[in-house]
Amino acid sequence: MCSFKTLYYAEDGYLIVCNECRHFQLAFQTTLLTMTAQDLQVFHTLVKENREYNADINSGRKNIYIPTPLEGYGMILNRKELEELFQLLETAEVNFKAECLLELFHTTG
């Protein structure tokens, strides 16, 4: 059974990781995805690239497509939502790296 550690939690979504199977669960608005570390890394990269590519868009229109690891399933976001998702992933990544470093100290001490 999964035992989750919260990497990020806010009103717009969360990212948690299972301590046993090391799968990640991302919730953002009405989307919930379970991903491997590799899938999450690819997804995070796609979000970063779309953020840079669509930097000049200030529209509230949902016209930014982000593919997911699930075949035939993607997210359609506006610029504000893309920025919120990016911040979620960036913060969670920093928290995950910090947790991994802390675990190193616990196992060697």
Protein backbone atom coordinates (compact mmCIF):
# COMPACT_ATOMS: atom_id res chain seq x y z
CA MET A 1 0.00 0.00 0.00
CA CYS A 2 1.27 3.45 -0.88
CA SER A 3 2.59 5.80 1.76
CA PHE A 4 2.71 9.32 0.36
CA LYS A 5 4.99 12.25 1.09
CA THR A 6 3.73 15.69 0.09
CA LEU A 7 6.12 17.66 -2.10
CA TYR A 8 3.74 20.51 -2.87
CA TYR A 9 0.20 21.32 -1.81
CA ALA A 10 -1.88 24.40 -2.63
CA GLU A 11 -5.38 25.33 -3.70
CA ASP A 12 -4.61 24.74 -7.39
CA GLY A 13 -3.05 21.30 -6.95
CA TYR A 14 -0.50 19.06 -5.34
CA LEU A 15 2.37 16.71 -6.07
CA ILE A 16 3.02 13.72 -3.82
CA VAL A 17 5.40 10.77 -4.04
CA CYS A 18 4.93 7.25 -2.72
CA ASN A 19 7.72 6.22 -0.36
CA GLU A 20 7.43 2.56 -1.42
CA CYS A 21 6.88 2.47 -5.20
CA ARG A 22 8.36 5.96 -5.91
CA HIS A 23 5.49 6.90 -8.22
CA PHE A 24 4.34 10.50 -8.27
CA GLN A 25 0.76 11.72 -8.19
CA LEU A 26 0.10 15.14 -9.70
CA ALA A 27 -3.22 16.88 -9.21
CA PHE A 28 -3.81 20.15 -11.01
CA GLN A 29 -7.26 21.70 -11.32
CA THR A 30 -9.44 18.83 -12.61
CA THR A 31 -6.57 16.55 -13.70
CA LEU A 32 -5.02 13.75 -11.68
CA LEU A 33 -2.01 11.87 -13.08
CA THR A 34 0.15 9.09 -11.64
CA MET A 35 3.63 9.01 -13.16
CA THR A 36 7.02 7.43 -12.81
CA ALA A 37 9.97 9.69 -12.03
CA GLN A 38 11.01 9.58 -15.69
CA ASP A 39 7.51 10.47 -16.90
CA LEU A 40 7.36 13.36 -14.44
CA GLN A 41 10.74 14.64 -15.59
CA VAL A 42 9.61 14.61 -19.24
CA PHE A 43 6.31 16.28 -18.32
CA HIS A 44 8.14 18.96 -16.30
CA THR A 45 10.46 19.61 -19.26
CA LEU A 46 7.47 20.01 -21.59
CA VAL A 47 5.88 22.50 -19.21
CA LYS A 48 9.17 24.48 -19.03
CA GLU A 49 9.53 24.51 -22.82
CA ASN A 50 5.94 25.63 -23.36
CA ARG A 51 6.37 28.34 -20.75
CA GLU A 52 9.40 29.71 -22.60
CA TYR A 53 7.83 29.31 -26.05
CA ASN A 54 4.55 30.97 -25.01
CA ALA A 55 6.13 33.75 -22.93
CA ASP A 56 4.48 36.50 -24.97
CA ILE A 57 0.94 35.16 -24.68
CA ASN A 58 -1.22 37.08 -22.21
CA SER A 59 -4.51 35.60 -23.33
CA GLY A 60 -6.98 34.00 -21.00
CA ARG A 61 -7.81 31.64 -23.84
CA LYS A 62 -6.92 27.99 -23.30
CA ASN A 63 -4.58 27.52 -26.25
CA ILE A 64 -1.48 25.88 -24.76
CA TYR A 65 -1.35 22.11 -25.15
CA ILE A 66 0.78 20.01 -22.81
CA PRO A 67 0.93 16.28 -23.64
CA THR A 68 0.96 13.82 -20.75
CA PRO A 69 2.52 10.36 -20.43
CA LEU A 70 -0.91 8.86 -21.12
CA GLU A 71 -1.42 8.22 -24.80
CA GLY A 72 -4.09 10.47 -26.26
CA TYR A 73 -4.42 12.59 -23.11
CA GLY A 74 -3.14 16.12 -22.71
CA MET A 75 -3.83 19.31 -20.85
CA ILE A 76 -5.14 22.51 -22.44
CA LEU A 77 -4.13 25.55 -20.40
CA ASN A 78 -4.14 29.30 -20.61
CA ARG A 79 -1.01 31.32 -19.83
CA LYS A 80 -1.90 31.83 -16.15
CA GLU A 81 -2.62 28.13 -15.63
CA LEU A 82 0.64 27.19 -17.34
CA GLU A 83 2.53 29.48 -14.97
CA GLU A 84 0.73 27.97 -11.95
CA LEU A 85 1.57 24.44 -13.10
CA PHE A 86 5.18 25.45 -13.70
CA GLN A 87 5.48 26.90 -10.19
CA LEU A 88 3.92 23.76 -8.71
CA LEU A 89 6.43 21.52 -10.50
CA GLU A 90 9.43 23.74 -9.74
CA THR A 91 8.62 23.97 -6.03
CA ALA A 92 7.93 20.25 -5.78
CA GLU A 93 11.23 19.45 -7.52
CA VAL A 94 13.19 21.56 -5.03
CA ASN A 95 11.34 19.93 -2.12
CA PHE A 96 11.95 16.44 -3.52
CA LYS A 97 15.68 17.10 -3.93
CA ALA A 98 15.85 18.43 -0.38
CA GLU A 99 14.04 15.33 0.92
CA CYS A 100 16.47 13.07 -0.95
CA LEU A 101 19.44 14.89 0.59
CA LEU A 102 17.94 14.61 4.05
CA GLU A 103 17.43 10.87 3.53
CA LEU A 104 21.15 10.51 2.77
CA PHE A 105 21.99 11.98 6.16
CA HIS A 106 19.52 9.69 7.93
CA THR A 107 20.90 6.54 6.33
CA THR A 108 24.57 7.38 7.01
CA GLY A 109 24.07 8.64 10.58
